[in-house]
Amino acid sequence: MKNQIVSDGAQRLQSSPEFQARLRELRQSLQSRHAAEWSQAGFFRRQVLRWQMAVEFRRERRKLVPSVHSLYSSRIAA
């Protein structure tokens, strides 16, 4: 079997429609989780909530992205 390592695999992954859809789902789930608190919050509390949501988003996004040391193959393993 011929090796098919892709040099720009991380960039391809992050620009893929499937990955972007997962990020949209993640963002929407965070917004729906904090919707009740957001609707009753004032200006400063919304700033804090926005910061907390950004932290949660980055934490969850790191779980979706493979390690920076990963090798990417053009074939998907079954």
Protein backbone atom coordinates (compact mmCIF):
# COMPACT_ATOMS: atom_id res chain seq x y z
CA MET A 1 0.00 0.00 0.00
CA LYS A 2 1.37 3.38 -0.99
CA ASN A 3 1.71 6.05 1.71
CA GLN A 4 -0.41 9.11 1.04
CA ILE A 5 0.63 11.63 3.68
CA VAL A 6 -0.80 15.09 3.09
CA SER A 7 1.49 18.01 3.92
CA ASP A 8 -1.22 20.58 4.65
CA GLY A 9 -3.61 18.20 6.41
CA ALA A 10 -4.28 20.44 9.41
CA GLN A 11 -5.19 23.37 7.19
CA ARG A 12 -7.41 21.16 5.01
CA LEU A 13 -9.15 19.79 8.08
CA GLN A 14 -9.89 23.21 9.53
CA SER A 15 -11.20 24.54 6.23
CA SER A 16 -13.36 21.50 5.49
CA PRO A 17 -17.15 21.98 5.49
CA GLU A 18 -17.61 19.12 7.95
CA PHE A 19 -15.25 20.65 10.49
CA GLN A 20 -16.84 24.09 10.07
CA ALA A 21 -20.26 22.49 10.64
CA ARG A 22 -18.99 20.92 13.88
CA LEU A 23 -17.72 24.32 15.04
CA ARG A 24 -21.11 25.91 14.24
CA GLU A 25 -22.87 23.17 16.23
CA LEU A 26 -20.50 23.74 19.13
CA ARG A 27 -21.09 27.50 19.07
CA GLN A 28 -24.88 27.03 18.89
CA SER A 29 -24.87 24.57 21.79
CA LEU A 30 -22.91 27.02 23.92
CA GLN A 31 -25.29 29.84 23.06
CA SER A 32 -28.36 27.74 23.85
CA ARG A 33 -26.81 26.56 27.12
CA HIS A 34 -26.29 30.17 28.26
CA ALA A 35 -29.43 31.65 26.65
CA ALA A 36 -31.49 31.98 29.84
CA GLU A 37 -28.72 33.73 31.74
CA TRP A 38 -27.89 35.90 28.71
CA SER A 39 -31.47 37.17 28.41
CA GLN A 40 -31.48 38.46 32.00
CA ALA A 41 -27.93 39.79 32.10
CA GLY A 42 -26.91 43.41 31.97
CA PHE A 43 -24.07 44.87 29.93
CA PHE A 44 -21.19 43.85 32.21
CA ARG A 45 -22.59 40.40 32.93
CA ARG A 46 -22.93 39.83 29.17
CA GLN A 47 -19.27 40.72 28.74
CA VAL A 48 -18.36 38.14 31.38
CA LEU A 49 -20.64 35.56 29.75
CA ARG A 50 -19.11 36.27 26.34
CA TRP A 51 -15.65 35.70 27.82
CA GLN A 52 -16.75 32.46 29.55
CA MET A 53 -18.34 31.19 26.35
CA ALA A 54 -15.15 31.96 24.41
CA VAL A 55 -13.09 30.02 26.95
CA GLU A 56 -15.49 27.05 26.74
CA PHE A 57 -15.46 27.21 22.94
CA ARG A 58 -11.65 27.13 22.79
CA ARG A 59 -11.52 24.25 25.29
CA GLU A 60 -14.03 22.17 23.33
CA ARG A 61 -12.46 23.09 19.98
CA ARG A 62 -9.11 21.73 21.17
CA LYS A 63 -10.81 18.37 21.66
CA LEU A 64 -11.91 18.36 18.01
CA VAL A 65 -8.54 19.30 16.52
CA PRO A 66 -5.88 16.58 16.29
CA SER A 67 -2.48 17.05 17.87
CA VAL A 68 -0.06 19.41 16.15
CA HIS A 69 2.27 16.42 15.81
CA SER A 70 -0.27 14.34 13.87
CA LEU A 71 0.37 13.07 10.38
CA TYR A 72 -2.54 13.38 7.99
CA SER A 73 -3.45 10.78 5.46
CA SER A 74 -5.54 11.41 2.38
CA ARG A 75 -7.43 8.19 3.17
CA ILE A 76 -9.83 8.01 6.07
CA ALA A 77 -9.18 5.08 8.39
CA ALA A 78 -12.21 2.87 8.92
